[in-house]
Amino acid sequence: MGGGHDHHHGPPYKVPDASIYKLEDAPELLETQRALARRGLKDPWLRNEVWRYNAKEWSTHRVRLVKFLFKGFPLGFAAFVATIGIEYALGVDYHAHPAHDHGSEGGHGGHGHH
């Protein structure tokens, strides 16, 4: 089954060494560490969050959030414009339904003019 193709085995990525992440590179986490220390607490895994604060590589939290929220906006807006264009070309009018024309009822059936 394998066919002797060893070049496809192994992960497609290289996991960085944990020692490259230092709390000193994330001032926000240093403040968290100080706040915990004031309460006599310590988070030994805090270093695992340093990558999130590397703005050069991952951008800021706000930029990531904006990208996430508006990721499909251009395609969605294009679909919206195309839908409006097609409805206009076909003459679709949602306001001209005879069944909902209150003027033809003459005020009967509780649908008179208020």
PDB file of N, CA and C in Angstrom:
ATOM      1  N   MET A   1       0.807  -1.190   0.000  1.00  0.00           N
ATOM      2  CA  MET A   1       0.000   0.000   0.000  1.00  0.00           C
ATOM      3  C   MET A   1       0.851   1.256   0.000  1.00  0.00           C
ATOM      4  N   GLY A   2       1.901   1.286   0.772  1.00  0.00           N
ATOM      5  CA  GLY A   2       2.727   2.485   0.876  1.00  0.00           C
ATOM      6  C   GLY A   2       3.487   2.784  -0.383  1.00  0.00           C
ATOM      7  N   GLY A   3       3.858   1.756  -1.151  1.00  0.00           N
ATOM      8  CA  GLY A   3       4.540   1.970  -2.411  1.00  0.00           C
ATOM      9  C   GLY A   3       5.963   2.467  -2.262  1.00  0.00           C
ATOM     10  N   GLY A   4       6.496   2.488  -1.042  1.00  0.00           N
ATOM     11  CA  GLY A   4       7.866   2.904  -0.838  1.00  0.00           C
ATOM     12  C   GLY A   4       8.096   4.402  -0.931  1.00  0.00           C
ATOM     13  N   HIS A   5       7.042   5.194  -0.873  1.00  0.00           N
ATOM     14  CA  HIS A   5       7.184   6.652  -0.960  1.00  0.00           C
ATOM     15  C   HIS A   5       7.322   7.235   0.438  1.00  0.00           C
ATOM     16  N   ASP A   6       8.541   7.311   0.934  1.00  0.00           N
ATOM     17  CA  ASP A   6       8.777   7.798   2.285  1.00  0.00           C
ATOM     18  C   ASP A   6       8.708   9.317   2.395  1.00  0.00           C
ATOM     19  N   HIS A   7       8.750  10.034   1.280  1.00  0.00           N
ATOM     20  CA  HIS A   7       8.766  11.491   1.346  1.00  0.00           C
ATOM     21  C   HIS A   7       7.413  12.085   1.756  1.00  0.00           C
ATOM     22  N   HIS A   8       6.353  11.306   1.858  1.00  0.00           N
ATOM     23  CA  HIS A   8       5.042  11.817   2.267  1.00  0.00           C
ATOM     24  C   HIS A   8       4.778  11.647   3.759  1.00  0.00           C
ATOM     25  N   HIS A   9       5.696  11.034   4.470  1.00  0.00           N
ATOM     26  CA  HIS A   9       5.476  10.789   5.890  1.00  0.00           C
ATOM     27  C   HIS A   9       6.002  11.957   6.717  1.00  0.00           C
ATOM     28  N   GLY A  10       5.432  12.137   7.874  1.00  0.00           N
ATOM     29  CA  GLY A  10       5.860  13.209   8.765  1.00  0.00           C
ATOM     30  C   GLY A  10       4.935  14.405   8.659  1.00  0.00           C
ATOM     31  N   PRO A  11       5.036  15.300   9.618  1.00  0.00           N
ATOM     32  CA  PRO A  11       4.139  16.461   9.622  1.00  0.00           C
ATOM     33  C   PRO A  11       4.507  17.449   8.511  1.00  0.00           C
ATOM     34  N   PRO A  12       3.517  18.131   7.983  1.00  0.00           N
ATOM     35  CA  PRO A  12       3.767  19.109   6.917  1.00  0.00           C
ATOM     36  C   PRO A  12       4.230  20.461   7.464  1.00  0.00           C
ATOM     37  N   TYR A  13       4.515  20.522   8.726  1.00  0.00           N
ATOM     38  CA  TYR A  13       4.906  21.779   9.365  1.00  0.00           C
ATOM     39  C   TYR A  13       6.020  21.520  10.360  1.00  0.00           C
ATOM     40  N   LYS A  14       6.677  22.584  10.777  1.00  0.00           N
ATOM     41  CA  LYS A  14       7.723  22.468  11.777  1.00  0.00           C
ATOM     42  C   LYS A  14       7.239  23.162  13.041  1.00  0.00           C
ATOM     43  N   VAL A  15       7.190  22.444  14.130  1.00  0.00           N
ATOM     44  CA  VAL A  15       6.758  23.002  15.408  1.00  0.00           C
ATOM     45  C   VAL A  15       7.927  23.803  15.987  1.00  0.00           C
ATOM     46  N   PRO A  16       7.695  25.099  16.294  1.00  0.00           N
ATOM     47  CA  PRO A  16       8.787  25.898  16.843  1.00  0.00           C
ATOM     48  C   PRO A  16       9.137  25.461  18.258  1.00  0.00           C
ATOM     49  N   ASP A  17      10.386  25.663  18.622  1.00  0.00           N
ATOM     50  CA  ASP A  17      10.837  25.320  19.961  1.00  0.00           C
ATOM     51  C   ASP A  17      10.190  26.266  20.968  1.00  0.00           C
ATOM     52  N   ALA A  18       9.756  25.730  22.099  1.00  0.00           N
ATOM     53  CA  ALA A  18       9.048  26.532  23.104  1.00  0.00           C
ATOM     54  C   ALA A  18       9.924  27.626  23.688  1.00  0.00           C
ATOM     55  N   SER A  19      11.239  27.467  23.624  1.00  0.00           N
ATOM     56  CA  SER A  19      12.125  28.457  24.241  1.00  0.00           C
ATOM     57  C   SER A  19      12.137  29.796  23.507  1.00  0.00           C
ATOM     58  N   ILE A  20      11.582  29.848  22.289  1.00  0.00           N
ATOM     59  CA  ILE A  20      11.565  31.130  21.572  1.00  0.00           C
ATOM     60  C   ILE A  20      10.504  32.073  22.135  1.00  0.00           C
ATOM     61  N   TYR A  21       9.553  31.560  22.895  1.00  0.00           N
ATOM     62  CA  TYR A  21       8.494  32.386  23.465  1.00  0.00           C
ATOM     63  C   TYR A  21       8.879  32.814  24.872  1.00  0.00           C
ATOM     64  N   LYS A  22       8.951  34.112  25.072  1.00  0.00           N
ATOM     65  CA  LYS A  22       9.340  34.658  26.377  1.00  0.00           C
ATOM     66  C   LYS A  22       8.294  35.677  26.829  1.00  0.00           C
ATOM     67  N   LEU A  23       7.951  35.645  28.097  1.00  0.00           N
ATOM     68  CA  LEU A  23       6.948  36.579  28.623  1.00  0.00           C
ATOM     69  C   LEU A  23       7.358  38.033  28.410  1.00  0.00           C
ATOM     70  N   GLU A  24       8.649  38.303  28.373  1.00  0.00           N
ATOM     71  CA  GLU A  24       9.128  39.665  28.192  1.00  0.00           C
ATOM     72  C   GLU A  24       8.696  40.238  26.841  1.00  0.00           C
ATOM     73  N   ASP A  25       8.361  39.373  25.897  1.00  0.00           N
ATOM     74  CA  ASP A  25       7.922  39.815  24.577  1.00  0.00           C
ATOM     75  C   ASP A  25       6.448  40.205  24.546  1.00  0.00           C
ATOM     76  N   ALA A  26       5.730  39.957  25.627  1.00  0.00           N
ATOM     77  CA  ALA A  26       4.293  40.267  25.693  1.00  0.00           C
ATOM     78  C   ALA A  26       4.003  41.040  26.982  1.00  0.00           C
ATOM     79  N   PRO A  27       4.078  42.379  26.926  1.00  0.00           N
ATOM     80  CA  PRO A  27       3.858  43.185  28.135  1.00  0.00           C
ATOM     81  C   PRO A  27       2.517  42.904  28.817  1.00  0.00           C
ATOM     82  N   GLU A  28       1.496  42.572  28.039  1.00  0.00           N
ATOM     83  CA  GLU A  28       0.189  42.286  28.620  1.00  0.00           C
ATOM     84  C   GLU A  28       0.258  41.064  29.542  1.00  0.00           C
ATOM     85  N   LEU A  29       1.028  40.076  29.116  1.00  0.00           N
ATOM     86  CA  LEU A  29       1.156  38.873  29.929  1.00  0.00           C
ATOM     87  C   LEU A  29       2.043  39.099  31.146  1.00  0.00           C
ATOM     88  N   LEU A  30       3.012  40.001  31.021  1.00  0.00           N
ATOM     89  CA  LEU A  30       3.820  40.357  32.191  1.00  0.00           C
ATOM     90  C   LEU A  30       2.938  40.972  33.270  1.00  0.00           C
ATOM     91  N   GLU A  31       1.996  41.814  32.847  1.00  0.00           N
ATOM     92  CA  GLU A  31       1.062  42.419  33.812  1.00  0.00           C
ATOM     93  C   GLU A  31       0.181  41.346  34.436  1.00  0.00           C
ATOM     94  N   THR A  32      -0.239  40.373  33.657  1.00  0.00           N
ATOM     95  CA  THR A  32      -1.026  39.257  34.194  1.00  0.00           C
ATOM     96  C   THR A  32      -0.211  38.478  35.210  1.00  0.00           C
ATOM     97  N   GLN A  33       1.056  38.235  34.890  1.00  0.00           N
ATOM     98  CA  GLN A  33       1.937  37.518  35.811  1.00  0.00           C
ATOM     99  C   GLN A  33       2.095  38.289  37.121  1.00  0.00           C
ATOM    100  N   ARG A  34       2.249  39.619  37.029  1.00  0.00           N
ATOM    101  CA  ARG A  34       2.381  40.439  38.244  1.00  0.00           C
ATOM    102  C   ARG A  34       1.100  40.408  39.072  1.00  0.00           C
ATOM    103  N   ALA A  35      -0.055  40.473  38.390  1.00  0.00           N
ATOM    104  CA  ALA A  35      -1.341  40.454  39.107  1.00  0.00           C
ATOM    105  C   ALA A  35      -1.525  39.116  39.843  1.00  0.00           C
ATOM    106  N   LEU A  36      -1.135  38.030  39.190  1.00  0.00           N
ATOM    107  CA  LEU A  36      -1.222  36.724  39.847  1.00  0.00           C
ATOM    108  C   LEU A  36      -0.277  36.652  41.041  1.00  0.00           C
ATOM    109  N   ALA A  37       0.935  37.196  40.881  1.00  0.00           N
ATOM    110  CA  ALA A  37       1.927  37.164  41.961  1.00  0.00           C
ATOM    111  C   ALA A  37       1.439  37.952  43.176  1.00  0.00           C
ATOM    112  N   ARG A  38       0.725  39.049  42.939  1.00  0.00           N
ATOM    113  CA  ARG A  38       0.180  39.832  44.058  1.00  0.00           C
ATOM    114  C   ARG A  38      -0.811  39.013  44.881  1.00  0.00           C
ATOM    115  N   ARG A  39      -1.416  38.024  44.273  1.00  0.00           N
ATOM    116  CA  ARG A  39      -2.369  37.155  44.970  1.00  0.00           C
ATOM    117  C   ARG A  39      -1.723  35.843  45.407  1.00  0.00           C
ATOM    118  N   GLY A  40      -0.407  35.755  45.208  1.00  0.00           N
ATOM    119  CA  GLY A  40       0.300  34.542  45.607  1.00  0.00           C
ATOM    120  C   GLY A  40       0.114  33.389  44.641  1.00  0.00           C
ATOM    121  N   LEU A  41      -0.249  33.698  43.404  1.00  0.00           N
ATOM    122  CA  LEU A  41      -0.500  32.657  42.408  1.00  0.00           C
ATOM    123  C   LEU A  41       0.545  32.715  41.301  1.00  0.00           C
ATOM    124  N   LYS A  42       0.635  31.614  40.549  1.00  0.00           N
ATOM    125  CA  LYS A  42       1.566  31.546  39.437  1.00  0.00           C
ATOM    126  C   LYS A  42       0.951  30.675  38.350  1.00  0.00           C
ATOM    127  N   ASP A  43       1.101  31.104  37.097  1.00  0.00           N
ATOM    128  CA  ASP A  43       0.599  30.321  35.972  1.00  0.00           C
ATOM    129  C   ASP A  43       1.788  29.802  35.176  1.00  0.00           C
ATOM    130  N   PRO A  44       2.145  28.532  35.356  1.00  0.00           N
ATOM    131  CA  PRO A  44       3.317  28.002  34.650  1.00  0.00           C
ATOM    132  C   PRO A  44       3.109  27.875  33.141  1.00  0.00           C
ATOM    133  N   TRP A  45       1.870  27.968  32.681  1.00  0.00           N
ATOM    134  CA  TRP A  45       1.573  27.818  31.259  1.00  0.00           C
ATOM    135  C   TRP A  45       1.367  29.150  30.554  1.00  0.00           C
ATOM    136  N   LEU A  46       1.609  30.240  31.240  1.00  0.00           N
ATOM    137  CA  LEU A  46       1.385  31.572  30.665  1.00  0.00           C
ATOM    138  C   LEU A  46       2.219  31.786  29.408  1.00  0.00           C
ATOM    139  N   ARG A  47       3.397  31.206  29.369  1.00  0.00           N
ATOM    140  CA  ARG A  47       4.278  31.357  28.207  1.00  0.00           C
ATOM    141  C   ARG A  47       3.623  30.818  26.932  1.00  0.00           C
ATOM    142  N   ASN A  48       2.704  29.861  27.089  1.00  0.00           N
ATOM    143  CA  ASN A  48       2.037  29.286  25.920  1.00  0.00           C
ATOM    144  C   ASN A  48       1.145  30.287  25.194  1.00  0.00           C
ATOM    145  N   GLU A  49       0.862  31.410  25.810  1.00  0.00           N
ATOM    146  CA  GLU A  49      -0.002  32.419  25.192  1.00  0.00           C
ATOM    147  C   GLU A  49       0.776  33.546  24.516  1.00  0.00           C
ATOM    148  N   VAL A  50       2.096  33.538  24.626  1.00  0.00           N
ATOM    149  CA  VAL A  50       2.919  34.631  24.095  1.00  0.00           C
ATOM    150  C   VAL A  50       2.716  34.805  22.599  1.00  0.00           C
ATOM    151  N   TRP A  51       2.574  33.736  21.852  1.00  0.00           N
ATOM    152  CA  TRP A  51       2.438  33.827  20.398  1.00  0.00           C
ATOM    153  C   TRP A  51       1.255  34.701  19.984  1.00  0.00           C
ATOM    154  N   ARG A  52       0.205  34.720  20.810  1.00  0.00           N
ATOM    155  CA  ARG A  52      -0.989  35.507  20.479  1.00  0.00           C
ATOM    156  C   ARG A  52      -0.710  37.007  20.461  1.00  0.00           C
ATOM    157  N   TYR A  53       0.336  37.413  21.152  1.00  0.00           N
ATOM    158  CA  TYR A  53       0.650  38.835  21.271  1.00  0.00           C
ATOM    159  C   TYR A  53       1.766  39.261  20.327  1.00  0.00           C
ATOM    160  N   ASN A  54       2.178  38.394  19.418  1.00  0.00           N
ATOM    161  CA  ASN A  54       3.198  38.728  18.438  1.00  0.00           C
ATOM    162  C   ASN A  54       2.508  39.425  17.261  1.00  0.00           C
ATOM    163  N   ALA A  55       2.429  40.743  17.320  1.00  0.00           N
ATOM    164  CA  ALA A  55       1.691  41.512  16.315  1.00  0.00           C
ATOM    165  C   ALA A  55       2.341  41.425  14.943  1.00  0.00           C
ATOM    166  N   LYS A  56       3.648  41.247  14.890  1.00  0.00           N
ATOM    167  CA  LYS A  56       4.321  41.167  13.583  1.00  0.00           C
ATOM    168  C   LYS A  56       3.898  39.922  12.815  1.00  0.00           C
ATOM    169  N   GLU A  57       3.759  38.819  13.514  1.00  0.00           N
ATOM    170  CA  GLU A  57       3.441  37.568  12.838  1.00  0.00           C
ATOM    171  C   GLU A  57       1.937  37.308  12.743  1.00  0.00           C
ATOM    172  N   TRP A  58       1.205  37.612  13.799  1.00  0.00           N
ATOM    173  CA  TRP A  58      -0.212  37.249  13.854  1.00  0.00           C
ATOM    174  C   TRP A  58      -1.137  38.439  13.839  1.00  0.00           C
ATOM    175  N   SER A  59      -0.610  39.648  13.775  1.00  0.00           N
ATOM    176  CA  SER A  59      -1.413  40.861  13.813  1.00  0.00           C
ATOM    177  C   SER A  59      -2.005  41.031  15.219  1.00  0.00           C
ATOM    178  N   THR A  60      -2.792  42.061  15.389  1.00  0.00           N
ATOM    179  CA  THR A  60      -3.387  42.299  16.704  1.00  0.00           C
ATOM    180  C   THR A  60      -4.723  41.571  16.811  1.00  0.00           C
ATOM    181  N   HIS A  61      -5.215  41.471  18.031  1.00  0.00           N
ATOM    182  CA  HIS A  61      -6.503  40.807  18.252  1.00  0.00           C
ATOM    183  C   HIS A  61      -7.605  41.529  17.478  1.00  0.00           C
ATOM    184  N   ARG A  62      -7.596  42.856  17.508  1.00  0.00           N
ATOM    185  CA  ARG A  62      -8.623  43.641  16.815  1.00  0.00           C
ATOM    186  C   ARG A  62      -8.599  43.374  15.314  1.00  0.00           C
ATOM    187  N   VAL A  63      -7.418  43.348  14.720  1.00  0.00           N
ATOM    188  CA  VAL A  63      -7.312  43.104  13.279  1.00  0.00           C
ATOM    189  C   VAL A  63      -7.794  41.698  12.938  1.00  0.00           C
ATOM    190  N   ARG A  64      -7.424  40.707  13.759  1.00  0.00           N
ATOM    191  CA  ARG A  64      -7.898  39.341  13.521  1.00  0.00           C
ATOM    192  C   ARG A  64      -9.420  39.264  13.626  1.00  0.00           C
ATOM    193  N   LEU A  65     -10.003  39.981  14.585  1.00  0.00           N
ATOM    194  CA  LEU A  65     -11.449  39.981  14.755  1.00  0.00           C
ATOM    195  C   LEU A  65     -12.144  40.622  13.550  1.00  0.00           C
ATOM    196  N   VAL A  66     -11.632  41.759  13.098  1.00  0.00           N
ATOM    197  CA  VAL A  66     -12.225  42.437  11.936  1.00  0.00           C
ATOM    198  C   VAL A  66     -12.126  41.548  10.700  1.00  0.00           C
ATOM    199  N   LYS A  67     -10.974  40.920  10.513  1.00  0.00           N
ATOM    200  CA  LYS A  67     -10.826  40.012   9.368  1.00  0.00           C
ATOM    201  C   LYS A  67     -11.829  38.869   9.446  1.00  0.00           C
ATOM    202  N   PHE A  68     -12.026  38.321  10.638  1.00  0.00           N
ATOM    203  CA  PHE A  68     -12.964  37.219  10.823  1.00  0.00           C
ATOM    204  C   PHE A  68     -14.404  37.656  10.527  1.00  0.00           C
ATOM    205  N   LEU A  69     -14.788  38.822  11.050  1.00  0.00           N
ATOM    206  CA  LEU A  69     -16.167  39.274  10.892  1.00  0.00           C
ATOM    207  C   LEU A  69     -16.502  39.678   9.462  1.00  0.00           C
ATOM    208  N   PHE A  70     -15.531  40.218   8.733  1.00  0.00           N
ATOM    209  CA  PHE A  70     -15.807  40.720   7.392  1.00  0.00           C
ATOM    210  C   PHE A  70     -15.187  39.873   6.295  1.00  0.00           C
ATOM    211  N   LYS A  71     -14.806  38.649   6.627  1.00  0.00           N
ATOM    212  CA  LYS A  71     -14.147  37.769   5.669  1.00  0.00           C
ATOM    213  C   LYS A  71     -14.988  37.562   4.406  1.00  0.00           C
ATOM    214  N   GLY A  72     -16.251  37.292   4.535  1.00  0.00           N
ATOM    215  CA  GLY A  72     -17.109  37.022   3.386  1.00  0.00           C
ATOM    216  C   GLY A  72     -17.882  38.222   2.878  1.00  0.00           C
ATOM    217  N   PHE A  73     -17.592  39.404   3.415  1.00  0.00           N
ATOM    218  CA  PHE A  73     -18.362  40.594   3.045  1.00  0.00           C
ATOM    219  C   PHE A  73     -18.299  40.914   1.546  1.00  0.00           C
ATOM    220  N   PRO A  74     -17.123  40.935   0.907  1.00  0.00           N
ATOM    221  CA  PRO A  74     -17.091  41.275  -0.526  1.00  0.00           C
ATOM    222  C   PRO A  74     -17.938  40.333  -1.376  1.00  0.00           C
ATOM    223  N   LEU A  75     -17.829  39.031  -1.126  1.00  0.00           N
ATOM    224  CA  LEU A  75     -18.616  38.072  -1.888  1.00  0.00           C
ATOM    225  C   LEU A  75     -20.111  38.236  -1.596  1.00  0.00           C
ATOM    226  N   GLY A  76     -20.456  38.424  -0.339  1.00  0.00           N
ATOM    227  CA  GLY A  76     -21.861  38.615   0.029  1.00  0.00           C
ATOM    228  C   GLY A  76     -22.447  39.877  -0.579  1.00  0.00           C
ATOM    229  N   PHE A  77     -21.665  40.950  -0.572  1.00  0.00           N
ATOM    230  CA  PHE A  77     -22.153  42.205  -1.157  1.00  0.00           C
ATOM    231  C   PHE A  77     -22.326  42.066  -2.668  1.00  0.00           C
ATOM    232  N   ALA A  78     -21.393  41.366  -3.314  1.00  0.00           N
ATOM    233  CA  ALA A  78     -21.515  41.134  -4.758  1.00  0.00           C
ATOM    234  C   ALA A  78     -22.773  40.312  -5.061  1.00  0.00           C
ATOM    235  N   ALA A  79     -23.062  39.310  -4.244  1.00  0.00           N
ATOM    236  CA  ALA A  79     -24.271  38.497  -4.432  1.00  0.00           C
ATOM    237  C   ALA A  79     -25.522  39.337  -4.225  1.00  0.00           C
ATOM    238  N   PHE A  80     -25.475  40.246  -3.240  1.00  0.00           N
ATOM    239  CA  PHE A  80     -26.605  41.137  -2.982  1.00  0.00           C
ATOM    240  C   PHE A  80     -26.871  42.035  -4.193  1.00  0.00           C
ATOM    241  N   VAL A  81     -25.810  42.636  -4.737  1.00  0.00           N
ATOM    242  CA  VAL A  81     -25.952  43.520  -5.893  1.00  0.00           C
ATOM    243  C   VAL A  81     -26.456  42.733  -7.099  1.00  0.00           C
ATOM    244  N   ALA A  82     -25.943  41.518  -7.307  1.00  0.00           N
ATOM    245  CA  ALA A  82     -26.397  40.688  -8.423  1.00  0.00           C
ATOM    246  C   ALA A  82     -27.874  40.338  -8.270  1.00  0.00           C
ATOM    247  N   THR A  83     -28.301  40.028  -7.058  1.00  0.00           N
ATOM    248  CA  THR A  83     -29.712  39.700  -6.811  1.00  0.00           C
ATOM    249  C   THR A  83     -30.612  40.892  -7.117  1.00  0.00           C
ATOM    250  N   ILE A  84     -30.215  42.056  -6.661  1.00  0.00           N
ATOM    251  CA  ILE A  84     -31.001  43.267  -6.939  1.00  0.00           C
ATOM    252  C   ILE A  84     -31.069  43.511  -8.438  1.00  0.00           C
ATOM    253  N   GLY A  85     -29.937  43.344  -9.135  1.00  0.00           N
ATOM    254  CA  GLY A  85     -29.909  43.545 -10.592  1.00  0.00           C
ATOM    255  C   GLY A  85     -30.809  42.567 -11.322  1.00  0.00           C
ATOM    256  N   ILE A  86     -30.766  41.305 -10.923  1.00  0.00           N
ATOM    257  CA  ILE A  86     -31.604  40.286 -11.570  1.00  0.00           C
ATOM    258  C   ILE A  86     -33.082  40.568 -11.309  1.00  0.00           C
ATOM    259  N   GLU A  87     -33.426  40.928 -10.070  1.00  0.00           N
ATOM    260  CA  GLU A  87     -34.821  41.243  -9.764  1.00  0.00           C
ATOM    261  C   GLU A  87     -35.297  42.452 -10.553  1.00  0.00           C
ATOM    262  N   TYR A  88     -34.434  43.437 -10.707  1.00  0.00           N
ATOM    263  CA  TYR A  88     -34.798  44.629 -11.482  1.00  0.00           C
ATOM    264  C   TYR A  88     -34.990  44.265 -12.957  1.00  0.00           C
ATOM    265  N   ALA A  89     -34.075  43.429 -13.497  1.00  0.00           N
ATOM    266  CA  ALA A  89     -34.152  43.022 -14.896  1.00  0.00           C
ATOM    267  C   ALA A  89     -35.402  42.188 -15.177  1.00  0.00           C
ATOM    268  N   LEU A  90     -35.812  41.387 -14.204  1.00  0.00           N
ATOM    269  CA  LEU A  90     -37.002  40.544 -14.386  1.00  0.00           C
ATOM    270  C   LEU A  90     -38.298  41.266 -14.021  1.00  0.00           C
ATOM    271  N   GLY A  91     -38.183  42.459 -13.498  1.00  0.00           N
ATOM    272  CA  GLY A  91     -39.367  43.226 -13.138  1.00  0.00           C
ATOM    273  C   GLY A  91     -40.027  42.778 -11.849  1.00  0.00           C
ATOM    274  N   VAL A  92     -39.288  42.196 -10.951  1.00  0.00           N
ATOM    275  CA  VAL A  92     -39.843  41.740  -9.679  1.00  0.00           C
ATOM    276  C   VAL A  92     -40.167  42.955  -8.826  1.00  0.00           C
ATOM    277  N   ASP A  93     -41.424  43.025  -8.360  1.00  0.00           N
ATOM    278  CA  ASP A  93     -41.849  44.138  -7.508  1.00  0.00           C
ATOM    279  C   ASP A  93     -42.617  43.545  -6.328  1.00  0.00           C
ATOM    280  N   TYR A  94     -42.052  43.653  -5.163  1.00  0.00           N
ATOM    281  CA  TYR A  94     -42.661  43.054  -3.977  1.00  0.00           C
ATOM    282  C   TYR A  94     -43.795  43.903  -3.407  1.00  0.00           C
ATOM    283  N   HIS A  95     -44.005  45.077  -3.927  1.00  0.00           N
ATOM    284  CA  HIS A  95     -45.048  45.962  -3.405  1.00  0.00           C
ATOM    285  C   HIS A  95     -46.333  45.919  -4.225  1.00  0.00           C
ATOM    286  N   ALA A  96     -46.364  45.194  -5.301  1.00  0.00           N
ATOM    287  CA  ALA A  96     -47.535  45.183  -6.185  1.00  0.00           C
ATOM    288  C   ALA A  96     -48.246  43.835  -6.163  1.00  0.00           C
ATOM    289  N   HIS A  97     -48.685  43.399  -5.000  1.00  0.00           N
ATOM    290  CA  HIS A  97     -49.435  42.147  -4.895  1.00  0.00           C
ATOM    291  C   HIS A  97     -50.919  42.477  -4.822  1.00  0.00           C
ATOM    292  N   PRO A  98     -51.725  41.980  -5.781  1.00  0.00           N
ATOM    293  CA  PRO A  98     -53.165  42.292  -5.789  1.00  0.00           C
ATOM    294  C   PRO A  98     -53.887  41.812  -4.530  1.00  0.00           C
ATOM    295  N   ALA A  99     -53.429  40.724  -3.942  1.00  0.00           N
ATOM    296  CA  ALA A  99     -54.106  40.199  -2.762  1.00  0.00           C
ATOM    297  C   ALA A  99     -53.939  41.139  -1.569  1.00  0.00           C
ATOM    298  N   HIS A 100     -52.940  41.977  -1.589  1.00  0.00           N
ATOM    299  CA  HIS A 100     -52.690  42.886  -0.485  1.00  0.00           C
ATOM    300  C   HIS A 100     -53.051  44.325  -0.827  1.00  0.00           C
ATOM    301  N   ASP A 101     -53.767  44.523  -1.921  1.00  0.00           N
ATOM    302  CA  ASP A 101     -54.149  45.877  -2.329  1.00  0.00           C
ATOM    303  C   ASP A 101     -55.354  46.298  -1.511  1.00  0.00           C
ATOM    304  N   HIS A 102     -55.166  47.149  -0.529  1.00  0.00           N
ATOM    305  CA  HIS A 102     -56.228  47.550   0.390  1.00  0.00           C
ATOM    306  C   HIS A 102     -57.269  48.444  -0.272  1.00  0.00           C
ATOM    307  N   GLY A 103     -56.910  49.093  -1.354  1.00  0.00           N
ATOM    308  CA  GLY A 103     -57.860  49.987  -2.017  1.00  0.00           C
ATOM    309  C   GLY A 103     -58.994  49.246  -2.687  1.00  0.00           C
ATOM    310  N   SER A 104     -58.769  48.008  -3.129  1.00  0.00           N
ATOM    311  CA  SER A 104     -59.808  47.257  -3.832  1.00  0.00           C
ATOM    312  C   SER A 104     -60.806  46.621  -2.898  1.00  0.00           C
ATOM    313  N   GLU A 105     -60.539  46.631  -1.603  1.00  0.00           N
ATOM    314  CA  GLU A 105     -61.450  45.987  -0.666  1.00  0.00           C
ATOM    315  C   GLU A 105     -62.559  46.938  -0.228  1.00  0.00           C
ATOM    316  N   GLY A 106     -62.417  48.181  -0.490  1.00  0.00           N
ATOM    317  CA  GLY A 106     -63.483  49.117  -0.168  1.00  0.00           C
ATOM    318  C   GLY A 106     -63.744  49.248   1.318  1.00  0.00           C
ATOM    319  N   GLY A 107     -62.829  48.933   2.158  1.00  0.00           N
ATOM    320  CA  GLY A 107     -63.012  49.100   3.593  1.00  0.00           C
ATOM    321  C   GLY A 107     -63.696  47.947   4.267  1.00  0.00           C
ATOM    322  N   HIS A 108     -63.959  46.863   3.564  1.00  0.00           N
ATOM    323  CA  HIS A 108     -64.643  45.719   4.159  1.00  0.00           C
ATOM    324  C   HIS A 108     -63.636  44.742   4.761  1.00  0.00           C
ATOM    325  N   GLY A 109     -64.106  43.971   5.710  1.00  0.00           N
ATOM    326  CA  GLY A 109     -63.309  42.912   6.288  1.00  0.00           C
ATOM    327  C   GLY A 109     -62.279  43.393   7.298  1.00  0.00           C
ATOM    328  N   GLY A 110     -62.465  44.569   7.826  1.00  0.00           N
ATOM    329  CA  GLY A 110     -61.559  45.057   8.852  1.00  0.00           C
ATOM    330  C   GLY A 110     -60.262  45.611   8.315  1.00  0.00           C
ATOM    331  N   HIS A 111     -60.184  45.792   7.006  1.00  0.00           N
ATOM    332  CA  HIS A 111     -58.947  46.315   6.426  1.00  0.00           C
ATOM    333  C   HIS A 111     -59.163  47.716   5.877  1.00  0.00           C
ATOM    334  N   GLY A 112     -60.044  48.432   6.463  1.00  0.00           N
ATOM    335  CA  GLY A 112     -60.312  49.797   5.992  1.00  0.00           C
ATOM    336  C   GLY A 112     -59.177  50.729   6.350  1.00  0.00           C
ATOM    337  N   HIS A 113     -59.285  51.958   5.873  1.00  0.00           N
ATOM    338  CA  HIS A 113     -58.239  52.948   6.148  1.00  0.00           C
ATOM    339  C   HIS A 113     -58.404  53.473   7.549  1.00  0.00           C
ATOM    340  N   HIS A 114     -57.305  53.579   8.290  1.00  0.00           N
ATOM    341  CA  HIS A 114     -57.348  54.026   9.695  1.00  0.00           C
ATOM    342  C   HIS A 114     -56.928  55.455   9.790  1.00  0.00           C
TER     343      HIS A 114
END
